[in-house]
Amino acid sequence: MIKTIVWKNNKVVLIDQNALPLAESYVTCRTYQQVIAAIRGLTVRGAPAIGVAAAMAAALGAAALPALPLDQFRIKFSLICDEIARARPTARNLFWALERMQKCLDDNIAAEKKNLKKELIAEARRICAGDIAINRRMGKHGSFLIDDGDNILTHCNAGALATAGYGTALGVLRAAREQGKKLHVYVDETRPVLQGARLTAWEMQKEKIPATLITDNMAGFLMQQGRIDKIIVGADRIAANGDTANKIGTYSLAVLAGAHNIPFYIAAPLSTIDASLKTGAEIPIEERAAAEVTSFRGVPTAPRNIKVRNPAFDVTPARFITAIITEKGILEKPYGKSIRTVLKG
């Protein structure tokens, strides 16, 4: 299994996703600031993986603090978490993980545990292990939506690289393959950073899952030709009504899927749901650097000084989503009701 992120000898080791697919190399982070830089620079990306990285960054920060009175330790730790929270704005899992780390601290202080640093490191490792287990359960639930012989389109990377391991959308495909189902994956290249071409295609080859790489603007044509049976993608944040933020270009695929009567599925852990947001209009959308659009790996691809927009995500309205696959089962419309029910359970 691909190991995206591990805690090793009080350091955080990340597979360098910027180096893929040309090289499989790893980055070792010894401070929480280095993990923040890795999140911002896309060394680690994908909402669940960002959440795990955030938890481990918080643990690194706590481990580096000097001996302090409890009230001061709590304040310092809170400031570290606030700094990590500013790394990227859209992925809900980042904030969920930090909230869980802060709750861990509060619970252990209340229980009068003496070694708070040890407890926080253990919690970060539990979040990592839990993510893999969640993905496997999600894959099992979602695999029943996949038929033998399906041609499935996916966008961006929602595989092991986007999580602590196994994957969300690609985890569903892995689970279907483990059940003996034959399938073929159409991989959207996913402009402008090419997560599909660089990462998903790499994962498919590594797992020996038949796949074909296409440019983003080919997807509609393939749907028109009847070559795509289903679409499955991940998510970075899901509002209380089911509106879903995912990599830019997802909304276009959902609209096209509706026009061609193709099922459009979201696969995401419950930690991606932000029930405090009524609709997708409230989801913060990250705007990234213009250089991602005007160049690739330092090679210019557009005129100098051209005006650029580079939103990293878009929001797909719930009405375009056929179902949402989670670790507790498949959520169906109306999503407001099904989301409330699953979160209460």
Protein backbone atom coordinates (compact mmCIF):
# COMPACT_ATOMS: atom_id res chain seq x y z
CA MET A 1 0.00 0.00 0.00
CA ILE A 2 1.17 3.52 -0.79
CA LYS A 3 2.24 5.31 2.40
CA THR A 4 1.38 8.96 1.93
CA ILE A 5 2.24 10.13 5.42
CA VAL A 6 3.82 8.43 8.44
CA TRP A 7 5.04 9.41 11.90
CA LYS A 8 8.58 8.05 12.29
CA ASN A 9 11.09 8.76 15.05
CA ASN A 10 9.23 11.95 16.07
CA LYS A 11 9.29 13.25 12.52
CA VAL A 12 6.65 13.41 9.78
CA VAL A 13 7.61 11.65 6.55
CA LEU A 14 5.64 12.55 3.41
CA ILE A 15 5.78 11.16 -0.09
CA ASP A 16 6.67 14.16 -2.27
CA GLN A 17 3.68 14.49 -4.57
CA ASN A 18 5.35 17.30 -6.49
CA ALA A 19 8.06 14.85 -7.60
CA LEU A 20 5.61 12.27 -8.93
CA PRO A 21 5.43 10.57 -11.36
CA LEU A 22 9.06 11.12 -12.34
CA ALA A 23 10.48 10.17 -8.94
CA GLU A 24 9.21 8.46 -5.80
CA SER A 25 10.91 10.49 -3.11
CA TYR A 26 10.11 11.49 0.46
CA VAL A 27 10.25 14.68 2.50
CA THR A 28 11.03 14.59 6.23
CA CYS A 29 9.50 17.34 8.38
CA ARG A 30 11.05 17.97 11.76
CA THR A 31 8.96 21.02 12.69
CA TYR A 32 5.31 21.94 12.36
CA GLN A 33 6.32 24.90 10.18
CA GLN A 34 7.83 22.46 7.66
CA VAL A 35 4.55 20.53 7.55
CA ILE A 36 2.65 23.79 6.94
CA ALA A 37 5.00 24.54 4.04
CA ALA A 38 4.42 21.04 2.67
CA ILE A 39 0.63 21.55 2.80
CA ARG A 40 0.80 24.95 1.12
CA GLY A 41 3.26 23.77 -1.52
CA LEU A 42 1.23 20.62 -2.41
CA THR A 43 3.90 18.20 -1.24
CA VAL A 44 0.92 16.70 0.58
CA ARG A 45 -2.59 17.33 -0.80
CA GLY A 46 -6.06 15.86 -0.76
CA ALA A 47 -8.47 16.74 2.02
CA PRO A 48 -8.07 13.61 4.22
CA ALA A 49 -4.26 13.65 3.84
CA ILE A 50 -4.20 17.35 4.72
CA GLY A 51 -6.18 16.52 7.86
CA VAL A 52 -3.71 13.84 8.91
CA ALA A 53 -0.79 16.16 8.15
CA ALA A 54 -2.38 18.91 10.23
CA ALA A 55 -2.77 16.56 13.20
CA MET A 56 0.84 15.45 12.92
CA ALA A 57 1.99 19.06 12.57
CA ALA A 58 0.17 19.90 15.79
CA ALA A 59 1.85 16.95 17.51
CA LEU A 60 5.26 18.11 16.27
CA GLY A 61 4.56 21.60 17.56
CA ALA A 62 3.51 20.30 20.97
CA ALA A 63 6.55 18.02 21.20
CA ALA A 64 8.87 21.00 20.65
CA LEU A 65 7.35 23.13 23.41
CA PRO A 66 9.40 23.57 26.61
CA ALA A 67 8.07 22.52 29.99
CA LEU A 68 5.26 24.96 30.79
CA PRO A 69 2.41 25.35 33.27
CA LEU A 70 -0.80 23.80 31.93
CA ASP A 71 -2.53 27.07 31.10
CA GLN A 72 0.48 28.32 29.14
CA PHE A 73 0.89 24.98 27.36
CA ARG A 74 -2.75 25.13 26.27
CA ILE A 75 -2.34 28.70 24.97
CA LYS A 76 0.86 27.86 23.06
CA PHE A 77 -0.72 24.76 21.56
CA SER A 78 -3.79 26.74 20.49
CA LEU A 79 -1.56 29.27 18.73
CA ILE A 80 0.24 26.46 16.90
CA CYS A 81 -3.11 25.05 15.75
CA ASP A 82 -4.23 28.50 14.59
CA GLU A 83 -1.09 28.79 12.47
CA ILE A 84 -1.64 25.36 10.93
CA ALA A 85 -5.28 26.23 10.20
CA ARG A 86 -4.15 29.05 7.93
CA ALA A 87 -2.26 26.64 5.64
CA ARG A 88 -5.21 26.09 3.25
CA PRO A 89 -8.81 27.32 3.57
CA THR A 90 -11.11 24.90 1.73
CA ALA A 91 -10.46 21.36 3.03
CA ARG A 92 -12.74 20.76 6.02
CA ASN A 93 -10.62 17.82 7.20
CA LEU A 94 -7.77 20.15 8.17
CA PHE A 95 -9.97 22.00 10.66
CA TRP A 96 -11.65 18.79 11.84
CA ALA A 97 -8.27 17.26 12.68
CA LEU A 98 -7.12 20.33 14.61
CA GLU A 99 -10.39 20.40 16.55
CA ARG A 100 -9.85 16.78 17.46
CA MET A 101 -6.28 17.49 18.59
CA GLN A 102 -7.44 20.36 20.79
CA LYS A 103 -10.18 18.19 22.28
CA CYS A 104 -7.56 15.53 22.98
CA LEU A 105 -5.50 18.06 24.91
CA ASP A 106 -8.50 19.30 26.91
CA ASP A 107 -9.64 15.75 27.72
CA ASN A 108 -6.19 14.73 28.90
CA ILE A 109 -5.79 17.84 31.02
CA ALA A 110 -9.17 17.11 32.60
CA ALA A 111 -8.05 13.52 33.23
CA GLU A 112 -4.87 14.88 34.84
CA LYS A 113 -2.62 12.98 32.45
CA LYS A 114 1.01 13.92 32.97
CA ASN A 115 2.60 13.36 29.58
CA LEU A 116 0.45 15.56 27.33
CA LYS A 117 2.96 15.52 24.48
CA LYS A 118 2.86 11.73 24.35
CA GLU A 119 -0.94 11.77 24.32
CA LEU A 120 -1.06 14.27 21.45
CA ILE A 121 1.39 12.23 19.37
CA ALA A 122 -0.71 9.13 20.01
CA GLU A 123 -3.85 10.98 18.90
CA ALA A 124 -2.23 12.12 15.65
CA ARG A 125 -1.21 8.54 14.93
CA ARG A 126 -4.75 7.36 15.68
CA ILE A 127 -6.12 9.90 13.21
CA CYS A 128 -3.74 8.53 10.57
CA ALA A 129 -4.63 4.88 11.22
CA GLY A 130 -8.31 5.77 11.47
CA ASP A 131 -8.26 7.43 8.06
CA ILE A 132 -7.07 4.24 6.38
CA ALA A 133 -9.73 2.18 8.18
CA ILE A 134 -12.42 4.71 7.22
CA ASN A 135 -11.37 4.59 3.58
CA ARG A 136 -11.60 0.81 3.53
CA ARG A 137 -15.14 0.91 4.94
CA MET A 138 -16.08 3.61 2.45
CA GLY A 139 -14.65 1.53 -0.38
CA LYS A 140 -16.70 -1.48 0.66
CA HIS A 141 -19.93 0.52 0.74
CA GLY A 142 -19.23 2.23 -2.57
CA SER A 143 -18.11 -0.92 -4.37
CA PHE A 144 -21.71 -2.11 -4.60
CA LEU A 145 -22.42 0.82 -6.92
CA ILE A 146 -19.80 -0.46 -9.37
CA ASP A 147 -20.83 -3.05 -11.95
CA ASP A 148 -18.55 -5.55 -13.61
CA GLY A 149 -17.15 -4.03 -16.79
CA ASP A 150 -17.83 -0.39 -15.84
CA ASN A 151 -15.93 2.47 -17.45
CA ILE A 152 -15.49 5.06 -14.72
CA LEU A 153 -14.33 8.66 -15.00
CA THR A 154 -12.53 10.31 -12.10
CA HIS A 155 -11.22 13.84 -11.65
CA CYS A 156 -8.16 15.07 -9.73
CA ASN A 157 -6.67 12.50 -7.34
CA ALA A 158 -8.82 10.90 -4.65
CA GLY A 159 -6.64 7.87 -4.12
CA ALA A 160 -4.13 6.71 -1.53
CA LEU A 161 -2.09 9.86 -2.20
CA ALA A 162 -5.02 12.07 -1.15
CA THR A 163 -5.43 10.19 2.13
CA ALA A 164 -3.30 8.34 4.67
CA GLY A 165 -3.76 5.33 2.40
CA TYR A 166 -6.23 3.38 0.20
CA GLY A 167 -8.24 6.40 -1.00
CA THR A 168 -11.80 7.73 -1.20
CA ALA A 169 -13.03 7.66 -4.82
CA LEU A 170 -10.18 5.39 -5.88
CA GLY A 171 -10.71 3.38 -2.70
CA VAL A 172 -14.15 2.48 -4.05
CA LEU A 173 -12.51 1.27 -7.27
CA ARG A 174 -9.87 -0.67 -5.34
CA ALA A 175 -12.59 -2.38 -3.30
CA ALA A 176 -14.51 -3.28 -6.47
CA ARG A 177 -11.34 -4.78 -7.94
CA GLU A 178 -10.75 -6.77 -4.74
CA GLN A 179 -14.23 -8.26 -5.26
CA GLY A 180 -13.12 -9.47 -8.68
CA LYS A 181 -14.95 -6.89 -10.76
CA LYS A 182 -13.37 -5.78 -14.01
CA LEU A 183 -13.32 -2.05 -14.62
CA HIS A 184 -11.59 0.62 -16.64
CA VAL A 185 -10.80 4.15 -15.43
CA TYR A 186 -10.76 7.30 -17.50
CA VAL A 187 -8.38 9.70 -15.74
CA ASP A 188 -8.99 13.45 -16.22
CA GLU A 189 -5.60 15.18 -16.36
CA THR A 190 -6.95 17.90 -14.01
CA ARG A 191 -5.54 21.28 -14.97
CA PRO A 192 -3.67 23.30 -13.94
CA VAL A 193 -1.50 21.16 -11.64
CA LEU A 194 -2.28 17.83 -13.36
CA GLN A 195 -3.09 15.77 -10.28
CA GLY A 196 -4.87 13.28 -12.50
CA ALA A 197 -2.07 12.91 -15.03
CA ARG A 198 0.72 12.90 -12.46
CA LEU A 199 -0.87 11.14 -9.49
CA THR A 200 -4.01 9.17 -10.37
CA ALA A 201 -2.44 7.71 -13.51
CA TRP A 202 0.62 6.74 -11.42
CA GLU A 203 -1.60 5.04 -8.83
CA MET A 204 -3.54 3.16 -11.50
CA GLN A 205 -0.33 1.82 -13.01
CA LYS A 206 1.01 0.89 -9.59
CA GLU A 207 -2.22 -0.99 -8.79
CA LYS A 208 -2.41 -2.48 -12.31
CA ILE A 209 -5.91 -1.07 -12.82
CA PRO A 210 -6.62 -0.46 -16.55
CA ALA A 211 -6.76 3.28 -17.18
CA THR A 212 -6.77 5.83 -19.98
CA LEU A 213 -5.56 9.40 -19.48
CA ILE A 214 -7.62 12.17 -21.12
CA THR A 215 -7.51 15.94 -21.12
CA ASP A 216 -10.24 17.62 -19.09
CA ASN A 217 -12.04 18.92 -22.17
CA MET A 218 -12.42 15.43 -23.66
CA ALA A 219 -14.80 14.22 -20.94
CA GLY A 220 -18.02 15.55 -22.50
CA PHE A 221 -17.19 13.96 -25.85
CA LEU A 222 -16.62 10.56 -24.25
CA MET A 223 -19.93 10.86 -22.40
CA GLN A 224 -21.65 11.69 -25.70
CA GLN A 225 -20.11 8.56 -27.25
CA GLY A 226 -21.44 6.39 -24.41
CA ARG A 227 -17.97 5.45 -23.20
CA ILE A 228 -18.49 6.48 -19.56
CA ASP A 229 -20.82 4.53 -17.26
CA LYS A 230 -20.23 6.33 -13.98
CA ILE A 231 -18.30 9.27 -12.51
CA ILE A 232 -16.82 9.17 -9.03
CA VAL A 233 -14.81 11.94 -7.36
CA GLY A 234 -13.68 12.98 -3.90
CA ALA A 235 -14.54 16.11 -1.92
CA ASP A 236 -12.83 18.84 0.09
CA ARG A 237 -15.88 20.15 1.93
CA ILE A 238 -19.56 19.20 1.93
CA ALA A 239 -22.21 21.64 3.18
CA ALA A 240 -25.21 20.59 5.27
CA ASN A 241 -27.43 20.42 2.18
CA GLY A 242 -25.01 18.22 0.20
CA ASP A 243 -23.44 20.95 -1.95
CA THR A 244 -19.87 19.78 -2.47
CA ALA A 245 -16.56 21.57 -3.05
CA ASN A 246 -13.99 19.60 -5.01
CA LYS A 247 -11.16 20.27 -7.45
CA ILE A 248 -11.96 22.89 -10.08
CA GLY A 249 -13.68 21.24 -13.04
CA THR A 250 -15.85 18.93 -10.94
CA TYR A 251 -18.96 21.08 -11.38
CA SER A 252 -18.64 20.93 -15.17
CA LEU A 253 -18.46 17.13 -15.05
CA ALA A 254 -21.55 16.95 -12.83
CA VAL A 255 -23.57 19.10 -15.24
CA LEU A 256 -22.43 16.98 -18.19
CA ALA A 257 -23.25 13.81 -16.28
CA GLY A 258 -26.78 15.07 -15.70
CA ALA A 259 -27.19 15.89 -19.40
CA HIS A 260 -26.13 12.35 -20.35
CA ASN A 261 -27.94 10.47 -17.54
CA ILE A 262 -24.68 9.25 -16.02
CA PRO A 263 -24.54 8.60 -12.24
CA PHE A 264 -22.30 11.13 -10.46
CA TYR A 265 -20.95 10.01 -7.09
CA ILE A 266 -19.03 11.74 -4.31
CA ALA A 267 -16.85 9.62 -1.99
CA ALA A 268 -15.77 11.36 1.21
CA PRO A 269 -15.43 10.64 4.94
CA LEU A 270 -17.87 12.24 7.37
CA SER A 271 -15.02 14.51 8.53
CA THR A 272 -15.39 16.31 5.18
CA ILE A 273 -18.95 17.39 6.03
CA ASP A 274 -19.24 20.90 7.46
CA ALA A 275 -22.72 20.99 8.95
CA SER A 276 -22.17 24.60 10.08
CA LEU A 277 -22.52 25.70 6.45
CA LYS A 278 -26.08 25.65 5.11
CA THR A 279 -25.11 25.63 1.43
CA GLY A 280 -22.08 25.49 -0.82
CA ALA A 281 -22.24 29.27 -1.29
CA GLU A 282 -20.63 29.55 2.16
CA ILE A 283 -17.65 27.30 1.38
CA PRO A 284 -14.40 29.30 1.18
CA ILE A 285 -12.70 28.78 -2.17
CA GLU A 286 -8.92 28.99 -2.28
CA GLU A 287 -7.39 31.15 -5.00
CA ARG A 288 -3.91 29.93 -5.83
CA ALA A 289 -0.90 31.51 -7.53
CA ALA A 290 -1.16 32.63 -11.16
CA ALA A 291 2.08 30.79 -11.96
CA GLU A 292 0.22 27.45 -11.72
CA VAL A 293 -1.76 28.52 -14.80
CA THR A 294 0.87 30.44 -16.75
CA SER A 295 3.67 27.88 -16.44
CA PHE A 296 4.37 24.23 -15.65
CA ARG A 297 7.44 23.13 -13.72
CA GLY A 298 8.97 26.54 -14.42
CA VAL A 299 8.35 26.50 -18.17
CA PRO A 300 6.16 29.43 -19.33
CA THR A 301 2.98 28.42 -21.18
CA ALA A 302 1.25 31.81 -21.48
CA PRO A 303 2.18 35.42 -22.30
CA ARG A 304 3.87 37.35 -19.52
CA ASN A 305 1.59 39.60 -17.44
CA ILE A 306 -1.65 38.04 -18.71
CA LYS A 307 -4.46 38.39 -16.17
CA VAL A 308 -5.19 35.04 -14.44
CA ARG A 309 -7.90 33.48 -12.29
CA ASN A 310 -6.93 30.32 -10.44
CA PRO A 311 -9.62 29.08 -8.05
CA ALA A 312 -8.49 25.67 -6.82
CA PHE A 313 -12.02 24.37 -6.26
CA ASP A 314 -15.59 24.74 -7.45
CA VAL A 315 -18.91 23.81 -5.84
CA THR A 316 -21.27 21.20 -7.26
CA PRO A 317 -24.89 21.76 -6.18
CA ALA A 318 -26.47 18.78 -4.44
CA ARG A 319 -29.09 18.34 -7.18
CA PHE A 320 -26.38 17.10 -9.56
CA ILE A 321 -25.07 14.46 -7.13
CA THR A 322 -26.51 10.94 -7.41
CA ALA A 323 -25.24 9.77 -4.00
CA ILE A 324 -22.56 10.50 -1.39
CA ILE A 325 -20.48 7.51 -0.29
CA THR A 326 -19.24 7.62 3.35
CA GLU A 327 -17.75 5.20 5.84
CA LYS A 328 -21.22 4.78 7.37
CA GLY A 329 -22.98 4.01 4.15
CA ILE A 330 -24.39 5.70 1.07
CA LEU A 331 -26.27 8.96 1.59
CA GLU A 332 -29.18 9.67 -0.72
CA LYS A 333 -31.41 12.67 -1.43
CA PRO A 334 -32.61 14.72 0.30
CA TYR A 335 -29.07 15.21 1.58
CA GLY A 336 -30.05 17.64 4.31
CA LYS A 337 -32.00 14.87 6.01
CA SER A 338 -29.55 12.03 5.32
CA ILE A 339 -26.57 14.13 6.47
CA ARG A 340 -28.31 15.08 9.73
CA THR A 341 -29.20 11.45 10.35
CA VAL A 342 -25.72 10.06 9.75
CA LEU A 343 -24.02 12.74 11.83
CA LYS A 344 -26.35 12.07 14.77
CA GLY A 345 -25.66 8.34 14.51
